[in-house]
Amino acid sequence: MHQQATRRSKRTGKPYIVWLHAAHVKLHDTLNSQPALLCLCPSCHGYYDFLLRLREQGIRLERIKHRQQIRKRIASLVS
């Protein structure tokens, strides 16, 4: 979802268009009929999503490490 707003430049006094994006607070909350949203400029929206994906990637990596530790522990108990 995109929203357009007009602002006036403080330096030149000329109007310019500002496009705003509705960013999901939770990255995969797209099926929710009333998701929590943030109103961000396109650059901030991209950065926000990048940080969410980076965090998600870190969590995924920690889960993989945890599963490997559990498997090693089980293997040491069984043998």
N, C-alpha and C. Protein backbone atom coordinates (compact mmCIF):
# COMPACT_ATOMS: atom_id res chain seq x y z
N MET A 1 0.84 -1.17 0.00
CA MET A 1 0.00 0.00 0.00
C MET A 1 0.90 1.24 0.00
N HIS A 2 0.60 2.17 -0.85
CA HIS A 2 1.40 3.38 -0.95
C HIS A 2 0.50 4.59 -0.74
N GLN A 3 1.04 5.60 -0.12
CA GLN A 3 0.30 6.84 0.14
C GLN A 3 1.16 8.00 -0.35
N GLN A 4 0.54 8.99 -0.92
CA GLN A 4 1.27 10.15 -1.42
C GLN A 4 0.90 11.37 -0.60
N ALA A 5 1.89 12.17 -0.28
CA ALA A 5 1.66 13.43 0.44
C ALA A 5 2.52 14.51 -0.20
N THR A 6 2.11 15.73 -0.08
CA THR A 6 2.88 16.84 -0.64
C THR A 6 3.47 17.66 0.51
N ARG A 7 4.73 17.97 0.38
CA ARG A 7 5.44 18.80 1.35
C ARG A 7 6.03 20.00 0.63
N ARG A 8 6.37 21.02 1.38
CA ARG A 8 6.99 22.20 0.80
C ARG A 8 8.44 22.26 1.29
N SER A 9 9.35 22.43 0.37
CA SER A 9 10.78 22.49 0.70
C SER A 9 11.07 23.71 1.55
N LYS A 10 11.80 23.51 2.64
CA LYS A 10 12.18 24.63 3.49
C LYS A 10 13.20 25.52 2.80
N ARG A 11 14.01 24.91 1.94
CA ARG A 11 15.07 25.65 1.27
C ARG A 11 14.56 26.46 0.07
N THR A 12 13.74 25.81 -0.80
CA THR A 12 13.30 26.48 -2.03
C THR A 12 11.86 26.99 -1.97
N GLY A 13 11.06 26.41 -1.06
CA GLY A 13 9.66 26.79 -0.98
C GLY A 13 8.79 26.06 -1.99
N LYS A 14 9.39 25.23 -2.84
CA LYS A 14 8.63 24.51 -3.86
C LYS A 14 8.03 23.23 -3.26
N PRO A 15 6.83 22.88 -3.74
CA PRO A 15 6.22 21.64 -3.25
C PRO A 15 6.89 20.42 -3.89
N TYR A 16 6.90 19.32 -3.13
CA TYR A 16 7.41 18.05 -3.67
C TYR A 16 6.56 16.92 -3.10
N ILE A 17 6.56 15.78 -3.80
CA ILE A 17 5.74 14.64 -3.40
C ILE A 17 6.56 13.71 -2.51
N VAL A 18 5.92 13.28 -1.43
CA VAL A 18 6.52 12.30 -0.52
C VAL A 18 5.63 11.07 -0.58
N TRP A 19 6.23 9.94 -0.94
CA TRP A 19 5.49 8.68 -0.98
C TRP A 19 5.74 7.94 0.33
N LEU A 20 4.68 7.43 0.92
CA LEU A 20 4.79 6.68 2.16
C LEU A 20 4.32 5.24 1.94
N HIS A 21 4.93 4.32 2.65
CA HIS A 21 4.57 2.90 2.56
C HIS A 21 3.99 2.44 3.88
N ALA A 22 3.09 1.48 3.79
CA ALA A 22 2.57 0.81 4.98
C ALA A 22 3.41 -0.45 5.17
N ALA A 23 4.22 -0.48 6.21
CA ALA A 23 5.12 -1.61 6.48
C ALA A 23 4.53 -2.48 7.58
N HIS A 24 4.53 -3.79 7.35
CA HIS A 24 4.07 -4.73 8.38
C HIS A 24 5.09 -4.75 9.53
N VAL A 25 4.61 -4.64 10.74
CA VAL A 25 5.48 -4.70 11.91
C VAL A 25 6.09 -6.09 12.03
N LYS A 26 5.29 -7.12 11.77
CA LYS A 26 5.78 -8.51 11.74
C LYS A 26 5.91 -8.89 10.27
N LEU A 27 7.06 -9.41 9.90
CA LEU A 27 7.40 -9.63 8.50
C LEU A 27 6.40 -10.51 7.74
N HIS A 28 5.93 -11.60 8.32
CA HIS A 28 5.05 -12.52 7.61
C HIS A 28 3.60 -12.43 8.08
N ASP A 29 3.17 -11.27 8.46
CA ASP A 29 1.82 -11.05 8.98
C ASP A 29 0.89 -10.59 7.85
N THR A 30 1.07 -11.10 6.65
CA THR A 30 0.34 -10.61 5.49
C THR A 30 -1.08 -11.15 5.38
N LEU A 31 -1.38 -12.27 6.03
CA LEU A 31 -2.73 -12.85 5.96
C LEU A 31 -3.66 -12.30 7.03
N ASN A 32 -3.13 -11.55 7.97
CA ASN A 32 -3.92 -10.94 9.04
C ASN A 32 -4.78 -9.84 8.44
N SER A 33 -6.07 -9.83 8.75
CA SER A 33 -6.97 -8.81 8.19
C SER A 33 -6.76 -7.43 8.83
N GLN A 34 -6.17 -7.39 10.03
CA GLN A 34 -5.87 -6.12 10.68
C GLN A 34 -4.46 -6.15 11.25
N PRO A 35 -3.45 -6.17 10.35
CA PRO A 35 -2.08 -6.27 10.84
C PRO A 35 -1.60 -4.96 11.47
N ALA A 36 -0.61 -5.07 12.31
CA ALA A 36 0.03 -3.88 12.86
C ALA A 36 0.92 -3.30 11.76
N LEU A 37 0.75 -2.02 11.47
CA LEU A 37 1.47 -1.39 10.38
C LEU A 37 2.23 -0.16 10.86
N LEU A 38 3.28 0.17 10.14
CA LEU A 38 4.03 1.41 10.34
C LEU A 38 3.97 2.22 9.06
N CYS A 39 3.92 3.52 9.16
CA CYS A 39 3.95 4.39 7.99
C CYS A 39 5.39 4.88 7.83
N LEU A 40 6.06 4.42 6.75
CA LEU A 40 7.47 4.73 6.55
C LEU A 40 7.73 5.23 5.14
N CYS A 41 8.79 5.99 4.97
CA CYS A 41 9.22 6.37 3.63
C CYS A 41 9.79 5.12 2.97
N PRO A 42 9.90 5.08 1.64
CA PRO A 42 10.40 3.88 0.96
C PRO A 42 11.78 3.42 1.46
N SER A 43 12.68 4.33 1.72
CA SER A 43 14.02 3.96 2.19
C SER A 43 13.95 3.31 3.57
N CYS A 44 13.21 3.90 4.47
CA CYS A 44 13.08 3.35 5.82
C CYS A 44 12.34 2.01 5.79
N HIS A 45 11.35 1.88 4.90
CA HIS A 45 10.62 0.62 4.77
C HIS A 45 11.58 -0.50 4.34
N GLY A 46 12.41 -0.22 3.36
CA GLY A 46 13.39 -1.21 2.91
C GLY A 46 14.36 -1.59 4.02
N TYR A 47 14.84 -0.60 4.75
CA TYR A 47 15.78 -0.85 5.85
C TYR A 47 15.11 -1.64 6.97
N TYR A 48 13.87 -1.29 7.29
CA TYR A 48 13.11 -1.98 8.34
C TYR A 48 12.93 -3.45 7.97
N ASP A 49 12.51 -3.72 6.72
CA ASP A 49 12.34 -5.10 6.28
C ASP A 49 13.67 -5.85 6.28
N PHE A 50 14.75 -5.17 5.89
CA PHE A 50 16.08 -5.78 5.90
C PHE A 50 16.45 -6.22 7.32
N LEU A 51 16.20 -5.35 8.31
CA LEU A 51 16.51 -5.69 9.70
C LEU A 51 15.67 -6.85 10.19
N LEU A 52 14.38 -6.89 9.80
CA LEU A 52 13.51 -8.00 10.20
C LEU A 52 14.03 -9.31 9.60
N ARG A 53 14.42 -9.28 8.32
CA ARG A 53 14.94 -10.48 7.67
C ARG A 53 16.26 -10.91 8.29
N LEU A 54 17.10 -9.96 8.63
CA LEU A 54 18.38 -10.27 9.27
C LEU A 54 18.15 -10.94 10.62
N ARG A 55 17.23 -10.41 11.39
CA ARG A 55 16.88 -11.00 12.69
C ARG A 55 16.33 -12.40 12.51
N GLU A 56 15.43 -12.56 11.52
CA GLU A 56 14.84 -13.86 11.23
C GLU A 56 15.92 -14.88 10.84
N GLN A 57 16.89 -14.44 10.06
CA GLN A 57 17.99 -15.30 9.64
C GLN A 57 18.82 -15.74 10.85
N GLY A 58 19.07 -14.82 11.76
CA GLY A 58 19.82 -15.14 12.98
C GLY A 58 19.09 -16.15 13.84
N ILE A 59 17.78 -16.00 13.96
CA ILE A 59 16.98 -16.94 14.74
C ILE A 59 17.01 -18.32 14.08
N ARG A 60 16.89 -18.36 12.75
CA ARG A 60 16.94 -19.63 12.03
C ARG A 60 18.28 -20.34 12.26
N LEU A 61 19.36 -19.58 12.22
CA LEU A 61 20.69 -20.14 12.44
C LEU A 61 20.82 -20.70 13.86
N GLU A 62 20.32 -19.97 14.85
CA GLU A 62 20.37 -20.45 16.23
C GLU A 62 19.57 -21.73 16.41
N ARG A 63 18.43 -21.85 15.73
CA ARG A 63 17.63 -23.08 15.80
C ARG A 63 18.40 -24.26 15.23
N ILE A 64 19.08 -24.04 14.10
CA ILE A 64 19.89 -25.11 13.49
C ILE A 64 20.99 -25.54 14.44
N LYS A 65 21.69 -24.58 15.05
CA LYS A 65 22.75 -24.89 16.01
C LYS A 65 22.20 -25.69 17.19
N HIS A 66 21.03 -25.27 17.67
CA HIS A 66 20.42 -25.93 18.82
C HIS A 66 20.07 -27.38 18.48
N ARG A 67 19.48 -27.61 17.30
CA ARG A 67 19.13 -28.97 16.87
C ARG A 67 20.38 -29.84 16.78
N GLN A 68 21.47 -29.28 16.26
CA GLN A 68 22.71 -30.04 16.14
C GLN A 68 23.24 -30.43 17.53
N GLN A 69 23.17 -29.51 18.48
CA GLN A 69 23.62 -29.80 19.84
C GLN A 69 22.77 -30.90 20.47
N ILE A 70 21.47 -30.86 20.23
CA ILE A 70 20.58 -31.88 20.77
C ILE A 70 20.91 -33.24 20.17
N ARG A 71 21.11 -33.27 18.84
CA ARG A 71 21.46 -34.54 18.18
C ARG A 71 22.76 -35.12 18.72
N LYS A 72 23.76 -34.25 18.92
CA LYS A 72 25.04 -34.71 19.47
C LYS A 72 24.85 -35.26 20.88
N ARG A 73 24.05 -34.59 21.66
CA ARG A 73 23.81 -35.02 23.05
C ARG A 73 23.10 -36.37 23.08
N ILE A 74 22.10 -36.51 22.22
CA ILE A 74 21.35 -37.78 22.15
C ILE A 74 22.29 -38.90 21.69
N ALA A 75 23.10 -38.62 20.68
CA ALA A 75 24.03 -39.61 20.16
C ALA A 75 25.02 -40.05 21.24
N SER A 76 25.50 -39.11 22.06
CA SER A 76 26.43 -39.46 23.13
C SER A 76 25.76 -40.29 24.23
N LEU A 77 24.48 -40.09 24.45
CA LEU A 77 23.75 -40.85 25.47
C LEU A 77 23.42 -42.26 24.98
N VAL A 78 23.16 -42.38 23.69
CA VAL A 78 22.78 -43.67 23.11
C VAL A 78 24.00 -44.58 22.97
N SER A 79 25.14 -44.02 22.60
CA SER A 79 26.33 -44.89 22.37
C SER A 79 27.11 -45.18 23.61
